[in-house]
N, C-alpha and C. Protein backbone atom coordinates (compact mmCIF):
# COMPACT_ATOMS: atom_id res chain seq x y z
N UNK A 1 -38.47 -45.06 -5.48
CA UNK A 1 -37.32 -44.34 -4.97
C UNK A 1 -36.13 -45.28 -4.89
N UNK A 2 -34.96 -44.83 -5.36
CA UNK A 2 -33.77 -45.68 -5.38
C UNK A 2 -33.08 -45.65 -4.01
N UNK A 3 -32.67 -46.82 -3.55
CA UNK A 3 -32.01 -46.93 -2.26
C UNK A 3 -30.56 -46.47 -2.36
N UNK A 4 -30.10 -45.77 -1.35
CA UNK A 4 -28.71 -45.30 -1.31
C UNK A 4 -27.81 -46.49 -0.96
N UNK A 5 -26.91 -46.86 -1.87
CA UNK A 5 -26.04 -48.01 -1.64
C UNK A 5 -24.66 -47.60 -1.14
N UNK A 6 -24.42 -46.31 -0.96
CA UNK A 6 -23.12 -45.86 -0.47
C UNK A 6 -22.98 -46.16 1.01
N UNK A 7 -21.77 -46.41 1.41
CA UNK A 7 -21.48 -46.60 2.82
C UNK A 7 -21.64 -45.25 3.52
N UNK A 8 -22.00 -45.29 4.78
CA UNK A 8 -22.11 -44.05 5.54
C UNK A 8 -20.73 -43.46 5.81
N UNK A 9 -19.68 -44.20 5.55
CA UNK A 9 -18.33 -43.72 5.77
C UNK A 9 -17.77 -43.02 4.54
N UNK A 10 -18.56 -42.84 3.52
CA UNK A 10 -18.08 -42.19 2.30
C UNK A 10 -18.54 -40.75 2.25
N UNK A 11 -17.68 -39.91 1.74
CA UNK A 11 -18.00 -38.50 1.56
C UNK A 11 -17.50 -38.10 0.19
N UNK A 12 -18.34 -37.64 -0.63
CA UNK A 12 -18.03 -37.24 -2.02
C UNK A 12 -17.25 -38.33 -2.75
N UNK A 13 -17.76 -39.54 -2.71
CA UNK A 13 -17.19 -40.70 -3.39
C UNK A 13 -15.80 -41.09 -2.89
N UNK A 14 -15.42 -40.68 -1.70
CA UNK A 14 -14.14 -41.07 -1.11
C UNK A 14 -14.42 -42.03 0.03
N UNK A 15 -13.83 -43.19 -0.03
CA UNK A 15 -13.98 -44.17 1.04
C UNK A 15 -13.02 -43.81 2.15
N UNK A 16 -13.53 -43.19 3.20
CA UNK A 16 -12.72 -42.67 4.29
C UNK A 16 -11.97 -43.79 5.00
N UNK A 17 -12.61 -44.91 5.22
CA UNK A 17 -11.95 -46.02 5.91
C UNK A 17 -10.77 -46.56 5.09
N UNK A 18 -10.92 -46.60 3.78
CA UNK A 18 -9.82 -47.06 2.91
C UNK A 18 -8.66 -46.08 2.96
N UNK A 19 -8.94 -44.79 2.98
CA UNK A 19 -7.88 -43.78 3.07
C UNK A 19 -7.15 -43.90 4.40
N UNK A 20 -7.89 -44.10 5.48
CA UNK A 20 -7.26 -44.27 6.79
C UNK A 20 -6.37 -45.51 6.81
N UNK A 21 -6.83 -46.59 6.21
CA UNK A 21 -6.06 -47.83 6.17
C UNK A 21 -4.77 -47.63 5.38
N UNK A 22 -4.87 -46.98 4.24
CA UNK A 22 -3.68 -46.73 3.42
C UNK A 22 -2.70 -45.79 4.12
N UNK A 23 -3.20 -44.78 4.79
CA UNK A 23 -2.33 -43.85 5.52
C UNK A 23 -1.60 -44.55 6.66
N UNK A 24 -2.28 -45.46 7.33
CA UNK A 24 -1.65 -46.18 8.45
C UNK A 24 -0.50 -47.05 7.97
N UNK A 25 -0.58 -47.53 6.73
CA UNK A 25 0.46 -48.40 6.18
C UNK A 25 1.50 -47.65 5.37
N UNK A 26 1.47 -46.33 5.36
CA UNK A 26 2.33 -45.56 4.46
C UNK A 26 3.70 -45.24 5.04
N UNK A 27 3.94 -45.50 6.31
CA UNK A 27 5.25 -45.22 6.89
C UNK A 27 5.22 -43.97 7.75
N UNK A 28 6.41 -43.42 7.97
CA UNK A 28 6.55 -42.27 8.86
C UNK A 28 6.02 -41.00 8.20
N UNK A 29 5.51 -40.11 9.04
CA UNK A 29 5.06 -38.81 8.54
C UNK A 29 6.25 -37.87 8.41
N UNK A 30 6.04 -36.76 7.77
CA UNK A 30 7.09 -35.76 7.60
C UNK A 30 7.62 -35.31 8.96
N UNK A 31 6.72 -35.03 9.89
CA UNK A 31 7.13 -34.57 11.21
C UNK A 31 7.89 -35.64 11.98
N UNK A 32 7.51 -36.90 11.83
CA UNK A 32 8.23 -37.99 12.49
C UNK A 32 9.65 -38.11 11.93
N UNK A 33 9.81 -37.96 10.64
CA UNK A 33 11.14 -38.02 10.01
C UNK A 33 12.00 -36.86 10.51
N UNK A 34 11.45 -35.66 10.55
CA UNK A 34 12.21 -34.50 11.02
C UNK A 34 12.63 -34.66 12.48
N UNK A 35 11.77 -35.21 13.32
CA UNK A 35 12.11 -35.43 14.72
C UNK A 35 13.23 -36.46 14.85
N UNK A 36 13.17 -37.52 14.07
CA UNK A 36 14.21 -38.55 14.09
C UNK A 36 15.54 -37.99 13.61
N UNK A 37 15.53 -37.21 12.55
CA UNK A 37 16.76 -36.60 12.05
C UNK A 37 17.36 -35.65 13.08
N UNK A 38 16.53 -34.86 13.73
CA UNK A 38 17.01 -33.93 14.75
C UNK A 38 17.62 -34.70 15.92
N UNK A 39 16.99 -35.76 16.32
CA UNK A 39 17.50 -36.58 17.43
C UNK A 39 18.85 -37.20 17.06
N UNK A 40 18.96 -37.74 15.86
CA UNK A 40 20.22 -38.34 15.42
C UNK A 40 21.31 -37.28 15.26
N UNK A 41 20.96 -36.10 14.81
CA UNK A 41 21.94 -35.02 14.65
C UNK A 41 22.47 -34.59 16.01
N UNK A 42 21.59 -34.50 17.00
CA UNK A 42 22.02 -34.12 18.34
C UNK A 42 22.96 -35.16 18.92
N UNK A 43 22.68 -36.43 18.70
CA UNK A 43 23.56 -37.49 19.18
C UNK A 43 24.93 -37.40 18.53
N UNK A 44 24.97 -37.21 17.22
CA UNK A 44 26.25 -37.19 16.50
C UNK A 44 27.05 -35.93 16.79
N UNK A 45 26.41 -34.82 17.08
CA UNK A 45 27.14 -33.57 17.32
C UNK A 45 27.72 -33.52 18.72
N UNK A 46 27.28 -34.35 19.63
CA UNK A 46 27.83 -34.39 20.99
C UNK A 46 29.25 -34.92 21.01
N UNK A 47 29.59 -35.76 20.05
CA UNK A 47 30.88 -36.44 20.06
C UNK A 47 31.91 -35.76 19.17
N UNK A 48 31.63 -34.59 18.65
CA UNK A 48 32.58 -33.89 17.77
C UNK A 48 33.40 -32.90 18.53
């Protein structure tokens, strides 16, 4: 019987830990960008 050499963190040949690491280093999310833009818009519209 052949031994399973896959990590227990893999699902359908996707290394979940690698995906998490890459996502953490990818920058701001869409929702974070939208929140920042809304905050900056509110600041700038107060002075008009």
